[in-house]
Amino acid sequence: MAINGSLVVVQVNTGTVAVPVWVTVGGQRDLSKTGSLALIDFSSKDQRAEIVGGGRWTGELKFSNLYVPGAAEMALLRAANESGAVVQVRKFEDGVAVETAEGVVTEYSEAHPDMDASTVDVSIHVSGGWVAVP
């Protein structure tokens, strides 16, 4: 069964690993989660056909949201982007936490157009993969 995209949101841990404080990223407009697998080429010169195997997996989480001045979760993401600190994120579907990940904020970009809503785009490169919430 399909789910409305508005029911899938991201939360950021503004607490610690030991005592997490999960805060929903406010004003979310868009969310994409991608995973990709690099290939290892095991072919040799005496074979015409390519023979490949799975290599390194990488994941990324991208979202955009309305710019909300003073929002704690956005301040944390911006600071993490500037410092290279690892952040914890959690994906929710229809009010239920489904998976968590740690990663590095590789992009934090604000846009403040004339006569339109200010927005923030964030990209997080996932470290170690997604973990299902039991």
Protein backbone atom coordinates (compact mmCIF):
# COMPACT_ATOMS: atom_id res chain seq x y z
CA MET A 1 0.00 0.00 0.00
CA ALA A 2 1.34 3.43 -0.94
CA ILE A 3 1.97 6.09 1.70
CA ASN A 4 1.62 9.84 1.37
CA GLY A 5 5.06 11.48 1.38
CA SER A 6 3.92 13.94 4.03
CA LEU A 7 3.82 11.02 6.49
CA VAL A 8 7.57 10.33 6.12
CA VAL A 9 9.71 12.66 8.24
CA VAL A 10 13.22 12.93 9.65
CA GLN A 11 14.18 13.45 13.25
CA VAL A 12 17.57 14.57 14.57
CA ASN A 13 19.04 13.59 17.93
CA THR A 14 19.77 16.86 19.74
CA GLY A 15 20.74 14.96 22.90
CA THR A 16 23.47 12.34 23.29
CA VAL A 17 23.82 8.72 22.23
CA ALA A 18 23.17 7.65 25.84
CA VAL A 19 20.24 10.02 26.36
CA PRO A 20 18.73 10.80 22.95
CA VAL A 21 16.35 13.72 22.45
CA TRP A 22 14.68 13.18 19.07
CA VAL A 23 13.39 16.37 17.42
CA THR A 24 11.40 16.35 14.18
CA VAL A 25 12.98 18.61 11.56
CA GLY A 26 10.41 21.37 11.25
CA GLY A 27 8.79 22.46 7.99
CA GLN A 28 9.94 19.50 5.90
CA ARG A 29 9.01 19.72 2.23
CA ASP A 30 11.00 16.98 0.57
CA LEU A 31 12.92 13.86 1.61
CA SER A 32 14.94 11.37 -0.39
CA LYS A 33 16.94 8.41 0.85
CA THR A 34 19.33 6.71 -1.53
CA GLY A 35 21.70 3.78 -1.38
CA SER A 36 24.22 2.72 -3.95
CA LEU A 37 26.65 -0.12 -4.34
CA ALA A 38 30.01 0.17 -6.06
CA LEU A 39 30.99 -2.73 -8.26
CA ILE A 40 34.24 -4.67 -8.17
CA ASP A 41 35.36 -5.90 -11.58
CA PHE A 42 36.65 -9.50 -11.40
CA SER A 43 37.06 -9.82 -15.17
CA SER A 44 40.33 -10.84 -16.75
CA LYS A 45 41.93 -10.15 -20.10
CA ASP A 46 41.00 -13.59 -21.42
CA GLN A 47 37.25 -13.07 -20.84
CA ARG A 48 35.02 -10.98 -23.02
CA ALA A 49 32.16 -10.82 -20.50
CA GLU A 50 32.39 -8.62 -17.46
CA ILE A 51 32.28 -10.40 -14.12
CA VAL A 52 31.39 -8.19 -11.17
CA GLY A 53 30.75 -8.44 -7.46
CA GLY A 54 29.37 -6.12 -4.84
CA GLY A 55 31.73 -3.60 -3.34
CA ARG A 56 31.26 -0.68 -0.99
CA TRP A 57 27.73 0.47 -0.10
CA THR A 58 27.04 4.15 0.40
CA GLY A 59 23.89 5.86 1.57
CA GLU A 60 22.64 9.42 1.56
CA LEU A 61 19.71 11.25 3.06
CA LYS A 62 18.61 14.53 1.51
CA PHE A 63 15.82 16.79 2.65
CA SER A 64 14.63 20.33 2.27
CA ASN A 65 12.53 22.27 4.68
CA LEU A 66 11.29 25.73 5.44
CA TYR A 67 13.86 27.94 7.15
CA VAL A 68 12.84 28.37 10.79
CA PRO A 69 15.14 30.83 12.61
CA GLY A 70 16.36 29.50 15.95
CA ALA A 71 15.30 25.86 15.40
CA ALA A 72 17.57 23.66 17.58
CA GLU A 73 17.70 20.78 15.11
CA MET A 74 18.76 23.05 12.26
CA ALA A 75 21.42 24.73 14.41
CA LEU A 76 22.78 21.26 15.21
CA LEU A 77 22.86 20.28 11.52
CA ARG A 78 24.55 23.53 10.51
CA ALA A 79 27.18 23.19 13.26
CA ALA A 80 27.79 19.55 12.27
CA ASN A 81 28.28 20.62 8.66
CA GLU A 82 30.85 23.21 9.69
CA SER A 83 32.70 20.94 12.15
CA GLY A 84 32.41 17.53 10.47
CA ALA A 85 30.73 16.07 13.58
CA VAL A 86 28.65 12.91 13.24
CA VAL A 87 24.88 13.28 13.68
CA GLN A 88 22.17 10.74 14.42
CA VAL A 89 18.98 10.74 12.36
CA ARG A 90 15.80 8.71 12.53
CA LYS A 91 13.24 8.09 9.78
CA PHE A 92 9.56 8.04 10.69
CA GLU A 93 6.74 6.62 8.58
CA ASP A 94 3.17 7.43 9.59
CA GLY A 95 4.21 8.28 13.15
CA VAL A 96 6.37 5.17 13.69
CA ALA A 97 10.18 5.16 13.90
CA VAL A 98 11.42 2.67 11.30
CA GLU A 99 15.20 3.14 11.10
CA THR A 100 18.14 5.15 12.39
CA ALA A 101 21.55 6.06 11.03
CA GLU A 102 24.63 8.07 11.82
CA GLY A 103 26.28 10.27 9.26
CA VAL A 104 28.11 13.42 8.32
CA VAL A 105 26.30 16.52 7.09
CA THR A 106 27.89 17.11 3.67
CA GLU A 107 25.60 19.98 2.66
CA TYR A 108 23.74 22.70 4.53
CA SER A 109 22.43 25.30 2.12
CA GLU A 110 20.05 28.17 2.88
CA ALA A 111 18.01 29.97 0.19
CA HIS A 112 16.20 33.23 0.87
CA PRO A 113 14.45 34.24 -2.38
CA ASP A 114 12.52 37.47 -2.78
CA MET A 115 8.76 37.04 -2.31
CA ASP A 116 8.98 33.33 -1.52
CA ALA A 117 9.59 31.05 1.46
CA SER A 118 13.13 30.70 2.78
CA THR A 119 14.35 27.08 2.67
CA VAL A 120 17.24 24.92 3.80
CA ASP A 121 18.64 21.91 1.90
CA VAL A 122 20.54 19.28 3.89
CA SER A 123 22.49 16.21 2.74
CA ILE A 124 23.77 13.58 5.15
CA HIS A 125 26.22 10.88 4.04
CA VAL A 126 25.33 7.77 6.02
CA SER A 127 28.13 5.99 7.88
CA GLY A 128 27.70 2.25 8.46
CA GLY A 129 24.21 1.85 7.02
CA TRP A 130 20.67 2.13 8.31
CA VAL A 131 19.56 0.17 11.38
CA ALA A 132 15.95 -0.96 11.74
CA VAL A 133 14.16 0.21 14.89
CA PRO A 134 12.94 -2.87 16.76
